[in-house]
């Protein structure tokens, strides 16, 4: 009798514990945006941010049962698309795939800034980080970062590095390197990573800072040498390439990132629901594999982590941008 009673109590307790679950699920579903969601990508189609955005949009749409459309709104270093989301209604139907360019570099280098990177947005989720990488051409004598620093110090101002353009994350990675390593090197801006890489391979420039996603195939082919990645940890895609800190510049860290934002004033329950669903998307094995395949490091953080990142990025890049004249064209 005693065992029967215990079994009955266990069944009753189990049933009672299960009751709130449908309610919680319904409440979470109710907190999500109603109707279609537009994910604004503030850059042209086909780039790394666009690839990440389309992957996330497809998976999130399947999870929450809402249509999700990617809209490319390119221009002004990502500022046009970001400004569109900043002005959108805080109903969750318009979101942004932001980057360090939209939420630090452009606002810091434009007077007046088109929006405030913290006050005008609601942080939802940090999707992934992407390392930049310091590369040298095969004709460059330096075989590692310390040798490159020695070479630059022996010939101050005589060597130059390339980047995908003025004000891009690779450009600022180069300027931070110069400042922290105490070296002098000119900057050669290109209209994108592809022409810059072509000149590095061709021997027209000795050094290049590039986004790892764009440089990966050239590193693997042996057309260029990777001396260091710019993140605090090594990239799983290239575990033999040291970090800048390991290779000779302690404390150095820069990277590109992709993160989801909404307009300011997005309701807290909606932010919580969107963030939870997006975290689940980032944790899916297929998403993890595809992100790693393009040398992106999956994160899937909470909103407060993203908000803290935006604050720290503005604190980091403000002095760097001021030191190079507010990113006036070279």
C-alpha atoms as a PDB file:
ATOM      1  CA  UNK A   1       0.000   0.000   0.000  1.00  0.00           C
ATOM      2  CA  UNK A   2       2.809   2.374   0.945  1.00  0.00           C
ATOM      3  CA  UNK A   3       4.599   1.790  -2.381  1.00  0.00           C
ATOM      4  CA  UNK A   4       1.335   2.271  -4.279  1.00  0.00           C
ATOM      5  CA  UNK A   5       0.757   5.579  -2.511  1.00  0.00           C
ATOM      6  CA  UNK A   6       4.274   6.745  -3.293  1.00  0.00           C
ATOM      7  CA  UNK A   7       3.797   5.872  -6.943  1.00  0.00           C
ATOM      8  CA  UNK A   8       0.532   7.818  -6.990  1.00  0.00           C
ATOM      9  CA  UNK A   9       2.215  10.841  -5.412  1.00  0.00           C
ATOM     10  CA  UNK A  10       5.050  10.687  -7.940  1.00  0.00           C
ATOM     11  CA  UNK A  11       2.543  10.614 -10.774  1.00  0.00           C
ATOM     12  CA  UNK A  12       0.649  13.562  -9.253  1.00  0.00           C
ATOM     13  CA  UNK A  13       3.833  15.577  -8.683  1.00  0.00           C
ATOM     14  CA  UNK A  14       5.011  14.812 -12.190  1.00  0.00           C
ATOM     15  CA  UNK A  15       1.696  15.943 -13.639  1.00  0.00           C
ATOM     16  CA  UNK A  16       1.762  19.117 -11.563  1.00  0.00           C
ATOM     17  CA  UNK A  17       5.310  19.910 -12.653  1.00  0.00           C
ATOM     18  CA  UNK A  18       4.348  19.452 -16.277  1.00  0.00           C
ATOM     19  CA  UNK A  19       1.391  21.837 -16.139  1.00  0.00           C
ATOM     20  CA  UNK A  20       3.318  25.136 -16.376  1.00  0.00           C
ATOM     21  CA  UNK A  21       5.296  24.043 -19.459  1.00  0.00           C
ATOM     22  CA  UNK A  22       2.584  24.585 -22.087  1.00  0.00           C
ATOM     23  CA  UNK A  23       1.777  27.909 -20.440  1.00  0.00           C
ATOM     24  CA  UNK A  24       5.445  28.967 -20.528  1.00  0.00           C
ATOM     25  CA  UNK A  25       5.770  27.871 -24.138  1.00  0.00           C
ATOM     26  CA  UNK A  26       2.630  29.782 -25.088  1.00  0.00           C
ATOM     27  CA  UNK A  27       3.824  32.862 -23.234  1.00  0.00           C
ATOM     28  CA  UNK A  28       7.223  32.699 -24.977  1.00  0.00           C
ATOM     29  CA  UNK A  29       5.512  32.348 -28.349  1.00  0.00           C
ATOM     30  CA  UNK A  30       3.250  35.312 -27.575  1.00  0.00           C
ATOM     31  CA  UNK A  31       6.284  37.462 -26.739  1.00  0.00           C
ATOM     32  CA  UNK A  32       7.787  36.965 -30.202  1.00  0.00           C
ATOM     33  CA  UNK A  33       7.141  39.516 -32.960  1.00  0.00           C
ATOM     34  CA  UNK A  34       3.869  39.122 -34.808  1.00  0.00           C
ATOM     35  CA  UNK A  35       3.977  38.748 -38.558  1.00  0.00           C
ATOM     36  CA  UNK A  36       6.993  38.696 -40.898  1.00  0.00           C
ATOM     37  CA  UNK A  37      10.407  39.785 -39.668  1.00  0.00           C
ATOM     38  CA  UNK A  38      12.846  41.727 -41.831  1.00  0.00           C
ATOM     39  CA  UNK A  39      16.527  41.202 -40.998  1.00  0.00           C
ATOM     40  CA  UNK A  40      18.419  44.176 -42.410  1.00  0.00           C
ATOM     41  CA  UNK A  41      21.947  43.409 -43.605  1.00  0.00           C
ATOM     42  CA  UNK A  42      23.758  46.752 -43.936  1.00  0.00           C
ATOM     43  CA  UNK A  43      26.154  45.484 -46.611  1.00  0.00           C
ATOM     44  CA  UNK A  44      25.922  44.087 -50.128  1.00  0.00           C
ATOM     45  CA  UNK A  45      24.766  40.544 -50.787  1.00  0.00           C
ATOM     46  CA  UNK A  46      27.401  37.837 -50.936  1.00  0.00           C
ATOM     47  CA  UNK A  47      29.722  39.071 -48.192  1.00  0.00           C
ATOM     48  CA  UNK A  48      30.468  37.312 -44.919  1.00  0.00           C
ATOM     49  CA  UNK A  49      27.787  39.236 -42.988  1.00  0.00           C
ATOM     50  CA  UNK A  50      25.206  38.408 -45.650  1.00  0.00           C
ATOM     51  CA  UNK A  51      26.102  34.700 -45.536  1.00  0.00           C
ATOM     52  CA  UNK A  52      25.762  34.592 -41.748  1.00  0.00           C
ATOM     53  CA  UNK A  53      22.498  36.538 -41.857  1.00  0.00           C
ATOM     54  CA  UNK A  54      20.814  34.264 -44.398  1.00  0.00           C
ATOM     55  CA  UNK A  55      21.803  31.176 -42.425  1.00  0.00           C
ATOM     56  CA  UNK A  56      20.440  32.612 -39.174  1.00  0.00           C
ATOM     57  CA  UNK A  57      17.248  33.929 -40.806  1.00  0.00           C
ATOM     58  CA  UNK A  58      16.421  30.593 -42.382  1.00  0.00           C
ATOM     59  CA  UNK A  59      16.904  28.661 -39.161  1.00  0.00           C
ATOM     60  CA  UNK A  60      15.094  31.168 -36.959  1.00  0.00           C
ATOM     61  CA  UNK A  61      12.124  31.260 -39.323  1.00  0.00           C
ATOM     62  CA  UNK A  62      11.789  27.489 -39.040  1.00  0.00           C
ATOM     63  CA  UNK A  63      12.005  27.594 -35.235  1.00  0.00           C
ATOM     64  CA  UNK A  64       9.443  30.300 -34.564  1.00  0.00           C
ATOM     65  CA  UNK A  65       7.090  29.757 -37.494  1.00  0.00           C
ATOM     66  CA  UNK A  66       7.381  33.325 -38.789  1.00  0.00           C
ATOM     67  CA  UNK A  67       8.546  34.390 -42.269  1.00  0.00           C
ATOM     68  CA  UNK A  68      11.967  36.056 -42.035  1.00  0.00           C
ATOM     69  CA  UNK A  69      13.340  38.013 -44.966  1.00  0.00           C
ATOM     70  CA  UNK A  70      16.891  39.297 -45.421  1.00  0.00           C
ATOM     71  CA  UNK A  71      17.040  42.815 -46.851  1.00  0.00           C
ATOM     72  CA  UNK A  72      20.399  44.180 -48.009  1.00  0.00           C
ATOM     73  CA  UNK A  73      20.629  47.937 -47.372  1.00  0.00           C
ATOM     74  CA  UNK A  74      24.233  48.769 -48.237  1.00  0.00           C
ATOM     75  CA  UNK A  75      26.104  52.054 -48.102  1.00  0.00           C
ATOM     76  CA  UNK A  76      28.181  54.360 -45.878  1.00  0.00           C
ATOM     77  CA  UNK A  77      30.070  51.541 -44.191  1.00  0.00           C
ATOM     78  CA  UNK A  78      26.858  49.944 -42.965  1.00  0.00           C
ATOM     79  CA  UNK A  79      25.403  53.151 -41.537  1.00  0.00           C
ATOM     80  CA  UNK A  80      22.445  53.441 -43.954  1.00  0.00           C
ATOM     81  CA  UNK A  81      21.049  50.039 -43.044  1.00  0.00           C
ATOM     82  CA  UNK A  82      21.723  50.548 -39.344  1.00  0.00           C
ATOM     83  CA  UNK A  83      20.000  53.947 -39.368  1.00  0.00           C
ATOM     84  CA  UNK A  84      16.942  52.370 -40.983  1.00  0.00           C
ATOM     85  CA  UNK A  85      16.602  49.928 -38.092  1.00  0.00           C
ATOM     86  CA  UNK A  86      17.279  52.632 -35.495  1.00  0.00           C
ATOM     87  CA  UNK A  87      14.245  54.529 -36.851  1.00  0.00           C
ATOM     88  CA  UNK A  88      11.987  51.463 -37.087  1.00  0.00           C
ATOM     89  CA  UNK A  89       9.076  50.780 -34.755  1.00  0.00           C
ATOM     90  CA  UNK A  90      10.090  48.733 -31.664  1.00  0.00           C
ATOM     91  CA  UNK A  91       7.789  45.855 -32.541  1.00  0.00           C
ATOM     92  CA  UNK A  92      10.438  43.266 -33.480  1.00  0.00           C
ATOM     93  CA  UNK A  93       9.450  43.184 -37.132  1.00  0.00           C
ATOM     94  CA  UNK A  94      12.653  44.972 -38.188  1.00  0.00           C
ATOM     95  CA  UNK A  95      15.993  43.709 -36.893  1.00  0.00           C
ATOM     96  CA  UNK A  96      19.607  44.414 -37.825  1.00  0.00           C
ATOM     97  CA  UNK A  97      22.634  42.193 -38.310  1.00  0.00           C
ATOM     98  CA  UNK A  98      25.142  44.667 -36.936  1.00  0.00           C
ATOM     99  CA  UNK A  99      28.930  44.617 -36.913  1.00  0.00           C
ATOM    100  CA  UNK A 100      31.806  46.520 -35.356  1.00  0.00           C
ATOM    101  CA  UNK A 101      31.554  48.864 -38.361  1.00  0.00           C
ATOM    102  CA  UNK A 102      27.919  49.807 -37.682  1.00  0.00           C
ATOM    103  CA  UNK A 103      28.221  49.982 -33.901  1.00  0.00           C
ATOM    104  CA  UNK A 104      31.649  51.520 -33.350  1.00  0.00           C
ATOM    105  CA  UNK A 105      33.700  52.537 -36.369  1.00  0.00           C
ATOM    106  CA  UNK A 106      31.156  54.554 -38.349  1.00  0.00           C
ATOM    107  CA  UNK A 107      29.505  56.379 -35.432  1.00  0.00           C
ATOM    108  CA  UNK A 108      32.913  57.270 -34.010  1.00  0.00           C
ATOM    109  CA  UNK A 109      34.256  58.578 -37.313  1.00  0.00           C
ATOM    110  CA  UNK A 110      31.248  60.584 -38.506  1.00  0.00           C
ATOM    111  CA  UNK A 111      30.265  64.056 -37.270  1.00  0.00           C
ATOM    112  CA  UNK A 112      27.454  64.276 -36.523  1.00  0.00           C
ATOM    113  CA  UNK A 113      26.950  60.543 -36.012  1.00  0.00           C
ATOM    114  CA  UNK A 114      23.852  59.216 -37.810  1.00  0.00           C
ATOM    115  CA  UNK A 115      22.737  57.388 -34.663  1.00  0.00           C
ATOM    116  CA  UNK A 116      23.973  56.454 -31.209  1.00  0.00           C
ATOM    117  CA  UNK A 117      25.259  52.860 -31.207  1.00  0.00           C
ATOM    118  CA  UNK A 118      23.986  52.198 -27.685  1.00  0.00           C
ATOM    119  CA  UNK A 119      20.974  54.437 -27.059  1.00  0.00           C
ATOM    120  CA  UNK A 120      19.309  53.870 -30.452  1.00  0.00           C
ATOM    121  CA  UNK A 121      19.393  50.053 -30.426  1.00  0.00           C
ATOM    122  CA  UNK A 122      18.389  47.105 -28.280  1.00  0.00           C
ATOM    123  CA  UNK A 123      21.030  44.374 -28.041  1.00  0.00           C
ATOM    124  CA  UNK A 124      19.596  40.917 -28.712  1.00  0.00           C
ATOM    125  CA  UNK A 125      22.373  38.399 -29.418  1.00  0.00           C
ATOM    126  CA  UNK A 126      26.029  38.169 -30.438  1.00  0.00           C
ATOM    127  CA  UNK A 127      26.003  35.530 -33.180  1.00  0.00           C
ATOM    128  CA  UNK A 128      29.694  35.050 -33.971  1.00  0.00           C
ATOM    129  CA  UNK A 129      33.113  36.645 -34.019  1.00  0.00           C
ATOM    130  CA  UNK A 130      35.474  36.589 -36.992  1.00  0.00           C
ATOM    131  CA  UNK A 131      39.235  37.099 -36.625  1.00  0.00           C
ATOM    132  CA  UNK A 132      41.239  39.433 -38.754  1.00  0.00           C
ATOM    133  CA  UNK A 133      44.643  38.135 -39.775  1.00  0.00           C
ATOM    134  CA  UNK A 134      48.083  39.645 -40.383  1.00  0.00           C
ATOM    135  CA  UNK A 135      49.526  38.357 -43.644  1.00  0.00           C
ATOM    136  CA  UNK A 136      52.778  38.818 -45.515  1.00  0.00           C
ATOM    137  CA  UNK A 137      53.667  38.028 -49.092  1.00  0.00           C
ATOM    138  CA  UNK A 138      56.080  35.235 -49.834  1.00  0.00           C
ATOM    139  CA  UNK A 139      58.733  37.774 -50.878  1.00  0.00           C
ATOM    140  CA  UNK A 140      58.688  39.357 -47.406  1.00  0.00           C
ATOM    141  CA  UNK A 141      61.607  38.077 -45.348  1.00  0.00           C
ATOM    142  CA  UNK A 142      59.862  37.992 -41.967  1.00  0.00           C
ATOM    143  CA  UNK A 143      58.839  34.459 -41.027  1.00  0.00           C
ATOM    144  CA  UNK A 144      57.024  35.420 -37.831  1.00  0.00           C
ATOM    145  CA  UNK A 145      55.602  38.487 -36.116  1.00  0.00           C
ATOM    146  CA  UNK A 146      58.686  39.320 -34.070  1.00  0.00           C
ATOM    147  CA  UNK A 147      60.805  39.296 -37.220  1.00  0.00           C
ATOM    148  CA  UNK A 148      58.277  41.558 -38.944  1.00  0.00           C
ATOM    149  CA  UNK A 149      58.355  44.021 -36.042  1.00  0.00           C
ATOM    150  CA  UNK A 150      62.159  44.050 -36.178  1.00  0.00           C
ATOM    151  CA  UNK A 151      62.023  44.642 -39.930  1.00  0.00           C
ATOM    152  CA  UNK A 152      59.603  47.547 -39.537  1.00  0.00           C
ATOM    153  CA  UNK A 153      61.698  49.118 -36.783  1.00  0.00           C
ATOM    154  CA  UNK A 154      64.840  48.825 -38.907  1.00  0.00           C
ATOM    155  CA  UNK A 155      63.102  50.635 -41.785  1.00  0.00           C
ATOM    156  CA  UNK A 156      60.663  53.094 -40.210  1.00  0.00           C
ATOM    157  CA  UNK A 157      58.111  54.411 -42.675  1.00  0.00           C
ATOM    158  CA  UNK A 158      59.529  52.503 -45.639  1.00  0.00           C
ATOM    159  CA  UNK A 159      57.143  49.528 -45.619  1.00  0.00           C
ATOM    160  CA  UNK A 160      53.371  49.700 -46.044  1.00  0.00           C
ATOM    161  CA  UNK A 161      50.431  47.487 -45.203  1.00  0.00           C
ATOM    162  CA  UNK A 162      47.227  47.116 -47.170  1.00  0.00           C
ATOM    163  CA  UNK A 163      43.607  46.817 -46.063  1.00  0.00           C
ATOM    164  CA  UNK A 164      40.166  46.578 -47.619  1.00  0.00           C
ATOM    165  CA  UNK A 165      39.638  50.317 -47.183  1.00  0.00           C
ATOM    166  CA  UNK A 166      39.765  53.327 -44.917  1.00  0.00           C
ATOM    167  CA  UNK A 167      37.826  52.751 -41.707  1.00  0.00           C
ATOM    168  CA  UNK A 168      37.383  49.017 -42.163  1.00  0.00           C
ATOM    169  CA  UNK A 169      38.129  46.627 -39.290  1.00  0.00           C
ATOM    170  CA  UNK A 170      41.341  45.428 -41.017  1.00  0.00           C
ATOM    171  CA  UNK A 171      42.521  49.036 -41.362  1.00  0.00           C
ATOM    172  CA  UNK A 172      41.954  49.709 -37.678  1.00  0.00           C
ATOM    173  CA  UNK A 173      43.588  46.393 -36.807  1.00  0.00           C
ATOM    174  CA  UNK A 174      46.676  47.664 -38.635  1.00  0.00           C
ATOM    175  CA  UNK A 175      46.644  51.007 -36.858  1.00  0.00           C
ATOM    176  CA  UNK A 176      46.266  49.353 -33.460  1.00  0.00           C
ATOM    177  CA  UNK A 177      49.181  47.064 -34.324  1.00  0.00           C
ATOM    178  CA  UNK A 178      51.361  50.066 -35.217  1.00  0.00           C
ATOM    179  CA  UNK A 179      50.468  51.775 -31.955  1.00  0.00           C
ATOM    180  CA  UNK A 180      50.959  48.776 -29.693  1.00  0.00           C
ATOM    181  CA  UNK A 181      54.105  47.449 -31.421  1.00  0.00           C
ATOM    182  CA  UNK A 182      55.678  50.888 -31.729  1.00  0.00           C
ATOM    183  CA  UNK A 183      56.297  50.650 -35.476  1.00  0.00           C
ATOM    184  CA  UNK A 184      55.823  53.016 -38.397  1.00  0.00           C
ATOM    185  CA  UNK A 185      54.208  51.752 -41.603  1.00  0.00           C
ATOM    186  CA  UNK A 186      52.141  53.449 -44.273  1.00  0.00           C
ATOM    187  CA  UNK A 187      48.578  52.436 -45.048  1.00  0.00           C
ATOM    188  CA  UNK A 188      47.461  51.482 -48.557  1.00  0.00           C
ATOM    189  CA  UNK A 189      43.640  51.383 -48.721  1.00  0.00           C
ATOM    190  CA  UNK A 190      41.940  49.266 -51.389  1.00  0.00           C
ATOM    191  CA  UNK A 191      38.333  49.083 -52.553  1.00  0.00           C
ATOM    192  CA  UNK A 192      37.772  45.715 -50.944  1.00  0.00           C
ATOM    193  CA  UNK A 193      39.715  42.717 -49.735  1.00  0.00           C
ATOM    194  CA  UNK A 194      40.024  41.025 -53.137  1.00  0.00           C
ATOM    195  CA  UNK A 195      42.182  43.683 -54.869  1.00  0.00           C
ATOM    196  CA  UNK A 196      44.274  44.060 -51.722  1.00  0.00           C
ATOM    197  CA  UNK A 197      44.914  40.313 -51.647  1.00  0.00           C
ATOM    198  CA  UNK A 198      45.809  40.320 -55.348  1.00  0.00           C
ATOM    199  CA  UNK A 199      48.498  42.939 -54.711  1.00  0.00           C
ATOM    200  CA  UNK A 200      49.860  41.002 -51.733  1.00  0.00           C
ATOM    201  CA  UNK A 201      50.095  37.816 -53.786  1.00  0.00           C
ATOM    202  CA  UNK A 202      51.653  39.781 -56.644  1.00  0.00           C
ATOM    203  CA  UNK A 203      54.300  41.304 -54.408  1.00  0.00           C
ATOM    204  CA  UNK A 204      53.096  44.908 -54.766  1.00  0.00           C
ATOM    205  CA  UNK A 205      52.589  45.292 -51.013  1.00  0.00           C
ATOM    206  CA  UNK A 206      54.509  43.369 -48.337  1.00  0.00           C
ATOM    207  CA  UNK A 207      51.881  43.239 -45.566  1.00  0.00           C
ATOM    208  CA  UNK A 208      48.103  42.926 -45.413  1.00  0.00           C
ATOM    209  CA  UNK A 209      45.487  42.915 -42.674  1.00  0.00           C
ATOM    210  CA  UNK A 210      42.437  41.017 -43.861  1.00  0.00           C
ATOM    211  CA  UNK A 211      39.318  39.286 -42.550  1.00  0.00           C
ATOM    212  CA  UNK A 212      40.136  35.614 -42.051  1.00  0.00           C
ATOM    213  CA  UNK A 213      37.071  34.466 -43.976  1.00  0.00           C
ATOM    214  CA  UNK A 214      38.399  36.163 -47.120  1.00  0.00           C
ATOM    215  CA  UNK A 215      42.023  35.155 -46.628  1.00  0.00           C
ATOM    216  CA  UNK A 216      41.518  31.495 -45.732  1.00  0.00           C
ATOM    217  CA  UNK A 217      41.825  30.000 -49.220  1.00  0.00           C
ATOM    218  CA  UNK A 218      45.002  31.979 -49.969  1.00  0.00           C
ATOM    219  CA  UNK A 219      46.599  30.850 -46.710  1.00  0.00           C
ATOM    220  CA  UNK A 220      45.732  27.228 -47.403  1.00  0.00           C
ATOM    221  CA  UNK A 221      47.133  27.428 -50.939  1.00  0.00           C
ATOM    222  CA  UNK A 222      50.437  28.848 -49.697  1.00  0.00           C
ATOM    223  CA  UNK A 223      50.058  32.027 -51.773  1.00  0.00           C
ATOM    224  CA  UNK A 224      50.556  34.130 -48.603  1.00  0.00           C
ATOM    225  CA  UNK A 225      51.792  33.530 -45.056  1.00  0.00           C
ATOM    226  CA  UNK A 226      49.664  34.139 -41.987  1.00  0.00           C
ATOM    227  CA  UNK A 227      51.775  35.472 -39.124  1.00  0.00           C
ATOM    228  CA  UNK A 228      49.015  35.935 -36.542  1.00  0.00           C
ATOM    229  CA  UNK A 229      45.270  36.148 -36.009  1.00  0.00           C
ATOM    230  CA  UNK A 230      43.953  39.182 -34.174  1.00  0.00           C
ATOM    231  CA  UNK A 231      41.659  37.456 -31.681  1.00  0.00           C
ATOM    232  CA  UNK A 232      42.564  36.529 -28.099  1.00  0.00           C
ATOM    233  CA  UNK A 233      42.354  32.834 -28.990  1.00  0.00           C
ATOM    234  CA  UNK A 234      43.568  30.938 -32.019  1.00  0.00           C
ATOM    235  CA  UNK A 235      41.101  30.229 -34.791  1.00  0.00           C
ATOM    236  CA  UNK A 236      39.904  26.600 -34.927  1.00  0.00           C
ATOM    237  CA  UNK A 237      40.237  26.894 -38.729  1.00  0.00           C
ATOM    238  CA  UNK A 238      43.973  27.598 -38.423  1.00  0.00           C
ATOM    239  CA  UNK A 239      45.114  26.211 -35.073  1.00  0.00           C
ATOM    240  CA  UNK A 240      48.799  26.524 -36.017  1.00  0.00           C
ATOM    241  CA  UNK A 241      48.581  30.297 -36.541  1.00  0.00           C
ATOM    242  CA  UNK A 242      49.365  32.107 -33.259  1.00  0.00           C
ATOM    243  CA  UNK A 243      47.472  35.080 -31.885  1.00  0.00           C
ATOM    244  CA  UNK A 244      49.018  38.555 -32.020  1.00  0.00           C
ATOM    245  CA  UNK A 245      49.433  38.417 -28.239  1.00  0.00           C
ATOM    246  CA  UNK A 246      51.243  35.073 -28.406  1.00  0.00           C
ATOM    247  CA  UNK A 247      53.404  36.179 -31.313  1.00  0.00           C
ATOM    248  CA  UNK A 248      54.782  39.360 -29.809  1.00  0.00           C
ATOM    249  CA  UNK A 249      52.156  42.059 -29.070  1.00  0.00           C
ATOM    250  CA  UNK A 250      50.765  41.355 -25.565  1.00  0.00           C
ATOM    251  CA  UNK A 251      47.225  42.562 -24.932  1.00  0.00           C
ATOM    252  CA  UNK A 252      46.364  42.948 -28.606  1.00  0.00           C
ATOM    253  CA  UNK A 253      42.872  41.876 -29.631  1.00  0.00           C
ATOM    254  CA  UNK A 254      40.594  42.894 -32.487  1.00  0.00           C
ATOM    255  CA  UNK A 255      37.968  41.076 -34.464  1.00  0.00           C
ATOM    256  CA  UNK A 256      34.926  41.511 -36.621  1.00  0.00           C
ATOM    257  CA  UNK A 257      31.580  40.334 -35.292  1.00  0.00           C
ATOM    258  CA  UNK A 258      27.983  39.756 -36.299  1.00  0.00           C
ATOM    259  CA  UNK A 259      25.195  40.508 -33.856  1.00  0.00           C
ATOM    260  CA  UNK A 260      21.425  40.969 -33.900  1.00  0.00           C
ATOM    261  CA  UNK A 261      19.949  44.277 -32.735  1.00  0.00           C
ATOM    262  CA  UNK A 262      16.476  45.747 -32.623  1.00  0.00           C
ATOM    263  CA  UNK A 263      15.434  49.385 -32.387  1.00  0.00           C
ATOM    264  CA  UNK A 264      15.551  51.073 -28.986  1.00  0.00           C
ATOM    265  CA  UNK A 265      12.567  50.292 -26.803  1.00  0.00           C
ATOM    266  CA  UNK A 266      12.079  46.682 -27.846  1.00  0.00           C
ATOM    267  CA  UNK A 267       9.976  45.122 -25.044  1.00  0.00           C
ATOM    268  CA  UNK A 268      12.012  43.075 -22.568  1.00  0.00           C
ATOM    269  CA  UNK A 269       9.891  39.887 -22.949  1.00  0.00           C
ATOM    270  CA  UNK A 270      10.372  40.066 -26.721  1.00  0.00           C
ATOM    271  CA  UNK A 271      14.131  40.563 -26.360  1.00  0.00           C
ATOM    272  CA  UNK A 272      14.284  37.568 -24.025  1.00  0.00           C
ATOM    273  CA  UNK A 273      12.234  35.388 -26.386  1.00  0.00           C
ATOM    274  CA  UNK A 274      14.195  36.388 -29.500  1.00  0.00           C
ATOM    275  CA  UNK A 275      17.522  35.926 -27.761  1.00  0.00           C
ATOM    276  CA  UNK A 276      16.542  32.490 -26.466  1.00  0.00           C
ATOM    277  CA  UNK A 277      15.441  31.320 -29.924  1.00  0.00           C
ATOM    278  CA  UNK A 278      18.543  32.755 -31.578  1.00  0.00           C
ATOM    279  CA  UNK A 279      20.784  31.063 -29.009  1.00  0.00           C
ATOM    280  CA  UNK A 280      19.133  27.766 -29.929  1.00  0.00           C
ATOM    281  CA  UNK A 281      19.757  28.508 -33.623  1.00  0.00           C
ATOM    282  CA  UNK A 282      23.455  29.196 -33.054  1.00  0.00           C
ATOM    283  CA  UNK A 283      23.779  25.940 -31.106  1.00  0.00           C
ATOM    284  CA  UNK A 284      22.378  23.815 -33.941  1.00  0.00           C
ATOM    285  CA  UNK A 285      25.136  21.483 -35.260  1.00  0.00           C
ATOM    286  CA  UNK A 286      24.543  22.550 -38.866  1.00  0.00           C
ATOM    287  CA  UNK A 287      24.840  26.231 -37.990  1.00  0.00           C
ATOM    288  CA  UNK A 288      27.960  25.617 -35.915  1.00  0.00           C
ATOM    289  CA  UNK A 289      29.553  23.704 -38.789  1.00  0.00           C
ATOM    290  CA  UNK A 290      28.721  26.340 -41.401  1.00  0.00           C
ATOM    291  CA  UNK A 291      29.982  29.196 -39.258  1.00  0.00           C
ATOM    292  CA  UNK A 292      33.240  27.392 -38.561  1.00  0.00           C
ATOM    293  CA  UNK A 293      33.561  26.578 -42.254  1.00  0.00           C
ATOM    294  CA  UNK A 294      33.822  30.305 -43.011  1.00  0.00           C
ATOM    295  CA  UNK A 295      36.271  30.769 -40.091  1.00  0.00           C
ATOM    296  CA  UNK A 296      33.656  32.396 -37.848  1.00  0.00           C
ATOM    297  CA  UNK A 297      33.584  31.506 -34.160  1.00  0.00           C
ATOM    298  CA  UNK A 298      30.000  30.802 -32.971  1.00  0.00           C
ATOM    299  CA  UNK A 299      29.042  32.622 -29.764  1.00  0.00           C
ATOM    300  CA  UNK A 300      25.295  32.904 -29.115  1.00  0.00           C
ATOM    301  CA  UNK A 301      25.542  35.210 -26.107  1.00  0.00           C
ATOM    302  CA  UNK A 302      22.889  36.882 -23.972  1.00  0.00           C
ATOM    303  CA  UNK A 303      21.793  40.502 -24.635  1.00  0.00           C
ATOM    304  CA  UNK A 304      23.806  41.969 -21.753  1.00  0.00           C
ATOM    305  CA  UNK A 305      27.011  40.430 -23.136  1.00  0.00           C
ATOM    306  CA  UNK A 306      26.396  42.091 -26.502  1.00  0.00           C
ATOM    307  CA  UNK A 307      25.595  45.423 -24.865  1.00  0.00           C
ATOM    308  CA  UNK A 308      28.865  45.246 -22.919  1.00  0.00           C
ATOM    309  CA  UNK A 309      30.745  44.408 -26.124  1.00  0.00           C
ATOM    310  CA  UNK A 310      29.380  47.466 -27.937  1.00  0.00           C
ATOM    311  CA  UNK A 311      30.429  49.677 -25.015  1.00  0.00           C
ATOM    312  CA  UNK A 312      33.948  48.213 -24.913  1.00  0.00           C
ATOM    313  CA  UNK A 313      34.380  48.467 -28.698  1.00  0.00           C
ATOM    314  CA  UNK A 314      33.554  52.175 -28.609  1.00  0.00           C
ATOM    315  CA  UNK A 315      36.012  52.701 -25.762  1.00  0.00           C
ATOM    316  CA  UNK A 316      38.716  50.800 -27.657  1.00  0.00           C
ATOM    317  CA  UNK A 317      38.321  52.344 -31.106  1.00  0.00           C
ATOM    318  CA  UNK A 318      37.639  55.964 -30.101  1.00  0.00           C
ATOM    319  CA  UNK A 319      41.298  56.809 -29.350  1.00  0.00           C
ATOM    320  CA  UNK A 320      42.548  54.846 -32.381  1.00  0.00           C
ATOM    321  CA  UNK A 321      40.222  56.715 -34.751  1.00  0.00           C
ATOM    322  CA  UNK A 322      41.179  60.056 -33.223  1.00  0.00           C
ATOM    323  CA  UNK A 323      44.873  59.236 -33.613  1.00  0.00           C
ATOM    324  CA  UNK A 324      44.503  58.839 -37.371  1.00  0.00           C
ATOM    325  CA  UNK A 325      42.502  61.995 -37.950  1.00  0.00           C
ATOM    326  CA  UNK A 326      38.994  60.642 -37.621  1.00  0.00           C
ATOM    327  CA  UNK A 327      39.409  58.291 -40.572  1.00  0.00           C
ATOM    328  CA  UNK A 328      39.809  60.988 -43.186  1.00  0.00           C
ATOM    329  CA  UNK A 329      40.642  59.469 -46.526  1.00  0.00           C
ATOM    330  CA  UNK A 330      44.334  58.603 -46.907  1.00  0.00           C
END
